[in-house]
C-alpha atoms as a PDB file:
ATOM      1  CA  UNK A   1      -1.864  17.722  -7.355  1.00  0.00           C
ATOM      2  CA  UNK A   2      -1.216  19.456  -4.499  1.00  0.00           C
ATOM      3  CA  UNK A   3       1.533  18.460  -1.944  1.00  0.00           C
ATOM      4  CA  UNK A   4       2.537  15.344  -3.963  1.00  0.00           C
ATOM      5  CA  UNK A   5      -0.896  14.395  -3.320  1.00  0.00           C
ATOM      6  CA  UNK A   6      -4.029  13.917  -6.210  1.00  0.00           C
ATOM      7  CA  UNK A   7      -6.761  16.206  -4.622  1.00  0.00           C
ATOM      8  CA  UNK A   8      -8.869  15.879  -7.746  1.00  0.00           C
ATOM      9  CA  UNK A   9      -9.283  14.024 -11.169  1.00  0.00           C
ATOM     10  CA  UNK A  10     -11.275  13.965 -13.567  1.00  0.00           C
ATOM     11  CA  UNK A  11     -11.635  13.184 -17.680  1.00  0.00           C
ATOM     12  CA  UNK A  12     -11.327  16.237 -19.685  1.00  0.00           C
ATOM     13  CA  UNK A  13     -12.080  13.501 -22.838  1.00  0.00           C
ATOM     14  CA  UNK A  14     -15.014  10.474 -22.649  1.00  0.00           C
ATOM     15  CA  UNK A  15     -16.126   7.985 -25.119  1.00  0.00           C
ATOM     16  CA  UNK A  16     -19.769   9.716 -26.452  1.00  0.00           C
ATOM     17  CA  UNK A  17     -22.757   8.586 -28.381  1.00  0.00           C
ATOM     18  CA  UNK A  18     -25.249   5.769 -28.188  1.00  0.00           C
ATOM     19  CA  UNK A  19     -24.250   3.856 -25.624  1.00  0.00           C
ATOM     20  CA  UNK A  20     -21.365   5.185 -25.022  1.00  0.00           C
ATOM     21  CA  UNK A  21     -22.956   8.285 -22.601  1.00  0.00           C
ATOM     22  CA  UNK A  22     -24.431   5.946 -20.564  1.00  0.00           C
ATOM     23  CA  UNK A  23     -21.274   3.954 -19.796  1.00  0.00           C
ATOM     24  CA  UNK A  24     -19.171   7.141 -19.590  1.00  0.00           C
ATOM     25  CA  UNK A  25     -21.605   9.108 -16.915  1.00  0.00           C
ATOM     26  CA  UNK A  26     -21.598   5.757 -14.900  1.00  0.00           C
ATOM     27  CA  UNK A  27     -18.000   4.473 -14.827  1.00  0.00           C
ATOM     28  CA  UNK A  28     -16.490   8.336 -14.970  1.00  0.00           C
ATOM     29  CA  UNK A  29     -17.451   9.331 -11.970  1.00  0.00           C
ATOM     30  CA  UNK A  30     -16.509   5.951  -9.885  1.00  0.00           C
ATOM     31  CA  UNK A  31     -12.847   6.320 -11.757  1.00  0.00           C
ATOM     32  CA  UNK A  32     -12.210   9.909 -10.911  1.00  0.00           C
ATOM     33  CA  UNK A  33     -12.962   8.594  -7.074  1.00  0.00           C
ATOM     34  CA  UNK A  34     -10.797   5.835  -7.237  1.00  0.00           C
ATOM     35  CA  UNK A  35      -7.486   7.690  -8.108  1.00  0.00           C
ATOM     36  CA  UNK A  36      -8.209  10.472  -5.547  1.00  0.00           C
ATOM     37  CA  UNK A  37      -8.648   7.470  -3.010  1.00  0.00           C
ATOM     38  CA  UNK A  38      -5.635   5.057  -4.135  1.00  0.00           C
ATOM     39  CA  UNK A  39      -3.237   8.298  -5.279  1.00  0.00           C
ATOM     40  CA  UNK A  40      -2.205   6.357  -8.189  1.00  0.00           C
ATOM     41  CA  UNK A  41      -3.037   4.836 -11.927  1.00  0.00           C
ATOM     42  CA  UNK A  42      -3.485   1.440  -9.877  1.00  0.00           C
ATOM     43  CA  UNK A  43      -7.057   1.358  -9.986  1.00  0.00           C
ATOM     44  CA  UNK A  44      -9.738  -1.128 -10.609  1.00  0.00           C
ATOM     45  CA  UNK A  45     -11.795  -1.085 -14.079  1.00  0.00           C
ATOM     46  CA  UNK A  46     -15.289  -0.483 -14.018  1.00  0.00           C
ATOM     47  CA  UNK A  47     -17.446  -3.439 -14.623  1.00  0.00           C
ATOM     48  CA  UNK A  48     -19.075  -3.199 -18.032  1.00  0.00           C
ATOM     49  CA  UNK A  49     -16.745  -0.256 -19.102  1.00  0.00           C
ATOM     50  CA  UNK A  50     -13.256  -2.266 -19.435  1.00  0.00           C
ATOM     51  CA  UNK A  51     -12.043   0.059 -22.541  1.00  0.00           C
ATOM     52  CA  UNK A  52     -13.179   3.399 -20.925  1.00  0.00           C
ATOM     53  CA  UNK A  53     -11.020   2.314 -17.263  1.00  0.00           C
ATOM     54  CA  UNK A  54      -8.202   1.002 -20.083  1.00  0.00           C
ATOM     55  CA  UNK A  55      -8.178   4.257 -21.759  1.00  0.00           C
ATOM     56  CA  UNK A  56      -8.793   6.416 -18.413  1.00  0.00           C
ATOM     57  CA  UNK A  57      -5.882   4.279 -16.227  1.00  0.00           C
ATOM     58  CA  UNK A  58      -3.481   5.314 -19.658  1.00  0.00           C
ATOM     59  CA  UNK A  59      -4.036   8.728 -19.859  1.00  0.00           C
ATOM     60  CA  UNK A  60      -3.665   9.245 -16.226  1.00  0.00           C
ATOM     61  CA  UNK A  61      -0.315   7.278 -15.630  1.00  0.00           C
ATOM     62  CA  UNK A  62       0.579   9.837 -17.825  1.00  0.00           C
ATOM     63  CA  UNK A  63      -0.496  12.771 -15.967  1.00  0.00           C
ATOM     64  CA  UNK A  64       0.919  11.109 -12.871  1.00  0.00           C
ATOM     65  CA  UNK A  65       4.987  10.892 -14.799  1.00  0.00           C
ATOM     66  CA  UNK A  66       4.514  14.283 -16.009  1.00  0.00           C
ATOM     67  CA  UNK A  67       3.876  15.591 -12.477  1.00  0.00           C
ATOM     68  CA  UNK A  68       6.910  13.437 -10.777  1.00  0.00           C
ATOM     69  CA  UNK A  69       8.898  14.778 -13.554  1.00  0.00           C
ATOM     70  CA  UNK A  70       8.141  18.504 -12.945  1.00  0.00           C
ATOM     71  CA  UNK A  71       7.837  18.243  -8.541  1.00  0.00           C
ATOM     72  CA  UNK A  72      11.334  15.914  -8.217  1.00  0.00           C
ATOM     73  CA  UNK A  73      10.460  12.829  -6.051  1.00  0.00           C
ATOM     74  CA  UNK A  74       7.307  14.085  -4.179  1.00  0.00           C
ATOM     75  CA  UNK A  75       5.244  11.123  -4.547  1.00  0.00           C
ATOM     76  CA  UNK A  76       6.149   9.582  -0.917  1.00  0.00           C
ATOM     77  CA  UNK A  77       9.558   9.916   0.619  1.00  0.00           C
ATOM     78  CA  UNK A  78       8.761   9.361   3.942  1.00  0.00           C
ATOM     79  CA  UNK A  79       9.763   5.464   4.597  1.00  0.00           C
ATOM     80  CA  UNK A  80       7.231   3.306   3.205  1.00  0.00           C
ATOM     81  CA  UNK A  81       6.421   0.171   5.484  1.00  0.00           C
ATOM     82  CA  UNK A  82       4.604  -3.037   4.522  1.00  0.00           C
ATOM     83  CA  UNK A  83       2.549  -4.466   6.964  1.00  0.00           C
ATOM     84  CA  UNK A  84       0.813  -7.864   6.280  1.00  0.00           C
ATOM     85  CA  UNK A  85      -2.082  -8.469   9.202  1.00  0.00           C
ATOM     86  CA  UNK A  86      -2.957 -11.680  10.888  1.00  0.00           C
ATOM     87  CA  UNK A  87      -5.448 -14.109   9.393  1.00  0.00           C
ATOM     88  CA  UNK A  88      -8.828 -13.827  10.117  1.00  0.00           C
ATOM     89  CA  UNK A  89     -10.632 -16.731   9.429  1.00  0.00           C
ATOM     90  CA  UNK A  90     -14.665 -16.002   8.155  1.00  0.00           C
ATOM     91  CA  UNK A  91     -17.483 -18.428   7.687  1.00  0.00           C
ATOM     92  CA  UNK A  92     -16.546 -18.755   3.666  1.00  0.00           C
ATOM     93  CA  UNK A  93     -12.865 -18.975   4.298  1.00  0.00           C
ATOM     94  CA  UNK A  94      -9.703 -16.843   5.477  1.00  0.00           C
ATOM     95  CA  UNK A  95      -8.695 -13.216   4.817  1.00  0.00           C
ATOM     96  CA  UNK A  96      -5.667 -11.744   4.959  1.00  0.00           C
ATOM     97  CA  UNK A  97      -4.572  -7.926   4.582  1.00  0.00           C
ATOM     98  CA  UNK A  98      -1.045  -6.271   3.296  1.00  0.00           C
ATOM     99  CA  UNK A  99      -1.028  -2.281   3.507  1.00  0.00           C
ATOM    100  CA  UNK A 100       1.785   0.032   2.904  1.00  0.00           C
ATOM    101  CA  UNK A 101       1.965   2.888   5.277  1.00  0.00           C
ATOM    102  CA  UNK A 102       4.616   5.842   4.409  1.00  0.00           C
ATOM    103  CA  UNK A 103       4.096   9.077   6.277  1.00  0.00           C
ATOM    104  CA  UNK A 104       1.586   7.841   8.929  1.00  0.00           C
ATOM    105  CA  UNK A 105      -0.660   7.227   5.830  1.00  0.00           C
ATOM    106  CA  UNK A 106      -1.962   3.742   4.297  1.00  0.00           C
ATOM    107  CA  UNK A 107      -0.838   4.335   0.420  1.00  0.00           C
ATOM    108  CA  UNK A 108      -1.345   0.736  -0.512  1.00  0.00           C
ATOM    109  CA  UNK A 109      -3.734  -1.907   0.339  1.00  0.00           C
ATOM    110  CA  UNK A 110      -4.136  -5.416  -0.721  1.00  0.00           C
ATOM    111  CA  UNK A 111      -6.013  -8.957   0.530  1.00  0.00           C
ATOM    112  CA  UNK A 112      -3.538 -11.520   0.038  1.00  0.00           C
ATOM    113  CA  UNK A 113      -5.953 -14.061   1.322  1.00  0.00           C
ATOM    114  CA  UNK A 114      -9.860 -13.697   0.324  1.00  0.00           C
ATOM    115  CA  UNK A 115     -12.681 -16.451   0.387  1.00  0.00           C
ATOM    116  CA  UNK A 116     -12.715 -18.714  -3.174  1.00  0.00           C
ATOM    117  CA  UNK A 117     -14.752 -20.858  -4.680  1.00  0.00           C
ATOM    118  CA  UNK A 118     -17.983 -21.462  -5.668  1.00  0.00           C
ATOM    119  CA  UNK A 119     -19.947 -17.892  -5.313  1.00  0.00           C
ATOM    120  CA  UNK A 120     -16.935 -16.753  -3.376  1.00  0.00           C
ATOM    121  CA  UNK A 121     -15.088 -16.050  -6.144  1.00  0.00           C
ATOM    122  CA  UNK A 122     -17.427 -13.250  -7.438  1.00  0.00           C
ATOM    123  CA  UNK A 123     -18.257 -11.493  -3.974  1.00  0.00           C
ATOM    124  CA  UNK A 124     -14.562 -11.828  -3.507  1.00  0.00           C
ATOM    125  CA  UNK A 125     -14.052  -9.963  -7.224  1.00  0.00           C
ATOM    126  CA  UNK A 126     -16.623  -7.612  -6.555  1.00  0.00           C
ATOM    127  CA  UNK A 127     -16.394  -6.766  -2.785  1.00  0.00           C
ATOM    128  CA  UNK A 128     -12.123  -6.471  -2.350  1.00  0.00           C
ATOM    129  CA  UNK A 129     -11.145  -3.643  -4.527  1.00  0.00           C
ATOM    130  CA  UNK A 130     -13.940  -1.651  -3.065  1.00  0.00           C
ATOM    131  CA  UNK A 131     -12.488  -2.641   0.986  1.00  0.00           C
ATOM    132  CA  UNK A 132      -8.709  -1.844  -0.781  1.00  0.00           C
ATOM    133  CA  UNK A 133     -10.112   1.614  -1.802  1.00  0.00           C
ATOM    134  CA  UNK A 134     -11.672   2.397   1.218  1.00  0.00           C
ATOM    135  CA  UNK A 135      -9.097   1.552   3.538  1.00  0.00           C
ATOM    136  CA  UNK A 136      -6.847   3.866   1.661  1.00  0.00           C
ATOM    137  CA  UNK A 137      -9.286   6.583   1.532  1.00  0.00           C
ATOM    138  CA  UNK A 138     -10.205   5.805   5.219  1.00  0.00           C
ATOM    139  CA  UNK A 139      -6.514   5.457   6.690  1.00  0.00           C
ATOM    140  CA  UNK A 140      -8.110   3.247   9.102  1.00  0.00           C
ATOM    141  CA  UNK A 141      -9.815  -0.465   9.458  1.00  0.00           C
ATOM    142  CA  UNK A 142     -13.260   1.742  10.318  1.00  0.00           C
ATOM    143  CA  UNK A 143     -14.734   1.134   6.866  1.00  0.00           C
ATOM    144  CA  UNK A 144     -18.213   0.511   5.595  1.00  0.00           C
ATOM    145  CA  UNK A 145     -18.576  -3.321   5.150  1.00  0.00           C
ATOM    146  CA  UNK A 146     -19.494  -3.869   1.054  1.00  0.00           C
ATOM    147  CA  UNK A 147     -23.505  -4.793   0.392  1.00  0.00           C
ATOM    148  CA  UNK A 148     -23.673  -8.690  -0.155  1.00  0.00           C
ATOM    149  CA  UNK A 149     -20.355  -9.258   1.432  1.00  0.00           C
ATOM    150  CA  UNK A 150     -20.828  -9.328   5.184  1.00  0.00           C
ATOM    151  CA  UNK A 151     -18.453 -11.589   6.323  1.00  0.00           C
ATOM    152  CA  UNK A 152     -15.672 -11.096   4.003  1.00  0.00           C
ATOM    153  CA  UNK A 153     -15.953  -7.207   5.070  1.00  0.00           C
ATOM    154  CA  UNK A 154     -15.464  -7.796   8.441  1.00  0.00           C
ATOM    155  CA  UNK A 155     -12.298 -10.621   8.202  1.00  0.00           C
ATOM    156  CA  UNK A 156     -11.027  -7.687   5.887  1.00  0.00           C
ATOM    157  CA  UNK A 157     -11.441  -5.283   8.470  1.00  0.00           C
ATOM    158  CA  UNK A 158     -10.367  -7.385  11.238  1.00  0.00           C
ATOM    159  CA  UNK A 159      -6.604  -8.394   9.201  1.00  0.00           C
ATOM    160  CA  UNK A 160      -6.410  -4.685   8.441  1.00  0.00           C
ATOM    161  CA  UNK A 161      -6.545  -3.692  12.151  1.00  0.00           C
ATOM    162  CA  UNK A 162      -3.758  -6.572  13.243  1.00  0.00           C
ATOM    163  CA  UNK A 163      -1.999  -4.990   9.947  1.00  0.00           C
ATOM    164  CA  UNK A 164      -2.400  -1.215  11.208  1.00  0.00           C
ATOM    165  CA  UNK A 165      -1.160  -2.127  14.757  1.00  0.00           C
ATOM    166  CA  UNK A 166       1.805  -3.759  13.988  1.00  0.00           C
ATOM    167  CA  UNK A 167       2.992  -0.166  12.349  1.00  0.00           C
ATOM    168  CA  UNK A 168       4.850   1.934  14.574  1.00  0.00           C
ATOM    169  CA  UNK A 169       3.281   4.685  16.552  1.00  0.00           C
ATOM    170  CA  UNK A 170       5.673   7.327  17.212  1.00  0.00           C
ATOM    171  CA  UNK A 171       7.216   9.529  14.691  1.00  0.00           C
ATOM    172  CA  UNK A 172       5.062  11.832  12.578  1.00  0.00           C
ATOM    173  CA  UNK A 173       1.735  10.079  13.916  1.00  0.00           C
ATOM    174  CA  UNK A 174       0.184   6.319  13.169  1.00  0.00           C
ATOM    175  CA  UNK A 175      -1.590   5.111  10.262  1.00  0.00           C
ATOM    176  CA  UNK A 176      -4.527   5.488  12.324  1.00  0.00           C
ATOM    177  CA  UNK A 177      -4.510   9.323  11.843  1.00  0.00           C
ATOM    178  CA  UNK A 178      -4.843  10.532  14.943  1.00  0.00           C
ATOM    179  CA  UNK A 179      -2.869  13.413  14.591  1.00  0.00           C
ATOM    180  CA  UNK A 180      -0.297  13.015  17.771  1.00  0.00           C
ATOM    181  CA  UNK A 181       1.823  15.992  18.047  1.00  0.00           C
ATOM    182  CA  UNK A 182       0.619  17.911  15.383  1.00  0.00           C
ATOM    183  CA  UNK A 183      -2.449  19.576  17.475  1.00  0.00           C
ATOM    184  CA  UNK A 184      -4.502  18.058  15.063  1.00  0.00           C
ATOM    185  CA  UNK A 185      -7.886  17.800  17.036  1.00  0.00           C
ATOM    186  CA  UNK A 186     -10.464  15.338  16.010  1.00  0.00           C
ATOM    187  CA  UNK A 187     -13.926  17.071  15.752  1.00  0.00           C
ATOM    188  CA  UNK A 188     -17.323  15.189  15.147  1.00  0.00           C
ATOM    189  CA  UNK A 189     -19.673  17.335  13.545  1.00  0.00           C
ATOM    190  CA  UNK A 190     -23.340  16.580  12.763  1.00  0.00           C
ATOM    191  CA  UNK A 191     -25.025  17.976   9.990  1.00  0.00           C
ATOM    192  CA  UNK A 192     -28.454  19.257   9.570  1.00  0.00           C
ATOM    193  CA  UNK A 193     -31.307  16.963   8.721  1.00  0.00           C
ATOM    194  CA  UNK A 194     -31.733  17.265   4.766  1.00  0.00           C
ATOM    195  CA  UNK A 195     -35.605  16.114   3.896  1.00  0.00           C
ATOM    196  CA  UNK A 196     -35.662  14.481   0.602  1.00  0.00           C
ATOM    197  CA  UNK A 197     -38.781  13.154  -1.716  1.00  0.00           C
ATOM    198  CA  UNK A 198     -38.032   9.988  -0.159  1.00  0.00           C
ATOM    199  CA  UNK A 199     -37.092  10.606   3.534  1.00  0.00           C
ATOM    200  CA  UNK A 200     -34.237  12.703   5.669  1.00  0.00           C
ATOM    201  CA  UNK A 201     -31.374  12.358   5.368  1.00  0.00           C
ATOM    202  CA  UNK A 202     -28.796  13.351   7.963  1.00  0.00           C
ATOM    203  CA  UNK A 203     -25.133  13.375   7.835  1.00  0.00           C
ATOM    204  CA  UNK A 204     -22.048  13.232  10.498  1.00  0.00           C
ATOM    205  CA  UNK A 205     -18.283  13.615   9.890  1.00  0.00           C
ATOM    206  CA  UNK A 206     -15.112  13.683  11.721  1.00  0.00           C
ATOM    207  CA  UNK A 207     -12.798  15.893  10.361  1.00  0.00           C
ATOM    208  CA  UNK A 208      -8.880  16.205  11.999  1.00  0.00           C
ATOM    209  CA  UNK A 209      -6.068  18.281  10.352  1.00  0.00           C
ATOM    210  CA  UNK A 210      -8.721  20.168   8.063  1.00  0.00           C
ATOM    211  CA  UNK A 211      -9.094  17.140   6.748  1.00  0.00           C
ATOM    212  CA  UNK A 212     -12.485  14.294   6.311  1.00  0.00           C
ATOM    213  CA  UNK A 213     -11.045  11.182   8.291  1.00  0.00           C
ATOM    214  CA  UNK A 214     -14.751   9.457   8.851  1.00  0.00           C
ATOM    215  CA  UNK A 215     -18.485  10.083   7.100  1.00  0.00           C
ATOM    216  CA  UNK A 216     -21.357   8.195   8.126  1.00  0.00           C
ATOM    217  CA  UNK A 217     -25.699   9.076   7.367  1.00  0.00           C
ATOM    218  CA  UNK A 218     -27.494   9.021  11.115  1.00  0.00           C
ATOM    219  CA  UNK A 219     -30.442   8.969   8.354  1.00  0.00           C
ATOM    220  CA  UNK A 220     -31.544   7.714   5.393  1.00  0.00           C
ATOM    221  CA  UNK A 221     -34.610   7.083   3.124  1.00  0.00           C
ATOM    222  CA  UNK A 222     -35.850   3.576   4.551  1.00  0.00           C
ATOM    223  CA  UNK A 223     -38.822   1.653   3.601  1.00  0.00           C
ATOM    224  CA  UNK A 224     -40.028  -0.622   0.629  1.00  0.00           C
ATOM    225  CA  UNK A 225     -37.097  -0.202  -2.601  1.00  0.00           C
ATOM    226  CA  UNK A 226     -35.125   2.631  -0.205  1.00  0.00           C
ATOM    227  CA  UNK A 227     -33.537   0.272   1.867  1.00  0.00           C
ATOM    228  CA  UNK A 228     -31.788  -1.170  -1.326  1.00  0.00           C
ATOM    229  CA  UNK A 229     -30.734   2.214  -2.602  1.00  0.00           C
ATOM    230  CA  UNK A 230     -29.739   3.365   0.635  1.00  0.00           C
ATOM    231  CA  UNK A 231     -27.697   0.574   1.619  1.00  0.00           C
ATOM    232  CA  UNK A 232     -26.195   0.297  -1.724  1.00  0.00           C
ATOM    233  CA  UNK A 233     -25.517   4.412  -2.267  1.00  0.00           C
ATOM    234  CA  UNK A 234     -24.602   5.982   1.580  1.00  0.00           C
ATOM    235  CA  UNK A 235     -21.493   3.262   1.481  1.00  0.00           C
ATOM    236  CA  UNK A 236     -20.104   4.877  -1.203  1.00  0.00           C
ATOM    237  CA  UNK A 237     -21.215   8.441  -0.657  1.00  0.00           C
ATOM    238  CA  UNK A 238     -19.306   7.883   2.627  1.00  0.00           C
ATOM    239  CA  UNK A 239     -16.194   6.903   1.374  1.00  0.00           C
ATOM    240  CA  UNK A 240     -16.677  10.229  -1.493  1.00  0.00           C
ATOM    241  CA  UNK A 241     -16.744  12.454   1.012  1.00  0.00           C
ATOM    242  CA  UNK A 242     -13.682  11.179   3.079  1.00  0.00           C
ATOM    243  CA  UNK A 243     -11.923  10.684  -0.518  1.00  0.00           C
ATOM    244  CA  UNK A 244     -12.470  14.399  -2.002  1.00  0.00           C
ATOM    245  CA  UNK A 245     -12.579  15.983   1.724  1.00  0.00           C
ATOM    246  CA  UNK A 246     -15.454  18.835   0.291  1.00  0.00           C
ATOM    247  CA  UNK A 247     -19.344  18.144  -0.130  1.00  0.00           C
ATOM    248  CA  UNK A 248     -17.939  18.353  -3.719  1.00  0.00           C
ATOM    249  CA  UNK A 249     -18.921  14.570  -4.605  1.00  0.00           C
ATOM    250  CA  UNK A 250     -20.599  12.969  -7.612  1.00  0.00           C
ATOM    251  CA  UNK A 251     -24.428  11.807  -6.763  1.00  0.00           C
ATOM    252  CA  UNK A 252     -24.271   7.371  -7.058  1.00  0.00           C
ATOM    253  CA  UNK A 253     -26.056   6.610 -10.127  1.00  0.00           C
ATOM    254  CA  UNK A 254     -29.872   5.643  -9.422  1.00  0.00           C
ATOM    255  CA  UNK A 255     -29.778   7.432  -5.456  1.00  0.00           C
ATOM    256  CA  UNK A 256     -30.666  11.001  -7.102  1.00  0.00           C
ATOM    257  CA  UNK A 257     -32.709  12.234  -3.781  1.00  0.00           C
ATOM    258  CA  UNK A 258     -30.487  10.595  -1.026  1.00  0.00           C
ATOM    259  CA  UNK A 259     -26.902  11.988  -2.835  1.00  0.00           C
ATOM    260  CA  UNK A 260     -28.780  15.681  -3.207  1.00  0.00           C
ATOM    261  CA  UNK A 261     -29.841  15.343   0.656  1.00  0.00           C
ATOM    262  CA  UNK A 262     -26.390  13.469   1.744  1.00  0.00           C
ATOM    263  CA  UNK A 263     -24.089  16.391   0.262  1.00  0.00           C
ATOM    264  CA  UNK A 264     -26.841  19.321   1.816  1.00  0.00           C
ATOM    265  CA  UNK A 265     -26.298  17.905   5.138  1.00  0.00           C
ATOM    266  CA  UNK A 266     -22.616  17.230   4.760  1.00  0.00           C
ATOM    267  CA  UNK A 267     -21.983  21.170   3.433  1.00  0.00           C
ATOM    268  CA  UNK A 268     -23.713  21.539   6.653  1.00  0.00           C
ATOM    269  CA  UNK A 269     -21.527  19.517   8.800  1.00  0.00           C
ATOM    270  CA  UNK A 270     -18.548  20.662   7.411  1.00  0.00           C
ATOM    271  CA  UNK A 271     -20.152  24.457   7.775  1.00  0.00           C
ATOM    272  CA  UNK A 272     -19.679  23.706  11.621  1.00  0.00           C
ATOM    273  CA  UNK A 273     -16.617  22.141  11.538  1.00  0.00           C
ATOM    274  CA  UNK A 274     -14.836  25.431   9.956  1.00  0.00           C
ATOM    275  CA  UNK A 275     -14.101  23.417   6.642  1.00  0.00           C
END
């Protein structure tokens, strides 16, 4: 932890042997990223890794309790404010988002309304936790849509933006991360093209106040199966880059080459930004 924030999380022990190796390799990196994004032990269990997720959250909470006891009330003394966005009507039902903002940052995001009934239940259960984490990680409504949940994502972003618009813009800067008054000039930098076995990868980042506030792939492998891999992996890599603030992020399972190219281009962008 640094300045009352979780800057890195890792599992020093996790289940191993037999199928556990595969479950651990798939779930632990996602749990690590979720913790940094959420800044608490209130994270979603990884599908198919219920017991590992529960154990991880229990151990994480005990670590946070120790950090809180030794560091005093460093967990967010700057007046927290809870704001509920307007209802966004979508083709499959209403979406409404509630956020908690403290010190000009989104510390929590949740959907108080989301599409339900039939297949919508499954899509909502899969997409909303990822949208919540993305909102906290990005600090803005400028987040990637979740693949397969286009309408829910669009409604979520619309309601999220309306909630953020209600946050006072004065004081120590708005939740939009504009950095007014703190001299945090936002700078957008495009990394060099990284050639991979399946095509080029190029990353563009926005950096403000020494932090990555946005990451996107302007080039990624495409054609055939690459389309599916890119649409699945790039949003997760973007979120991981913002959450980590560096190019030291975990590869996405099943997208090894894209992940490696992404990290290489991301590092070159950060080098140009002086970070």
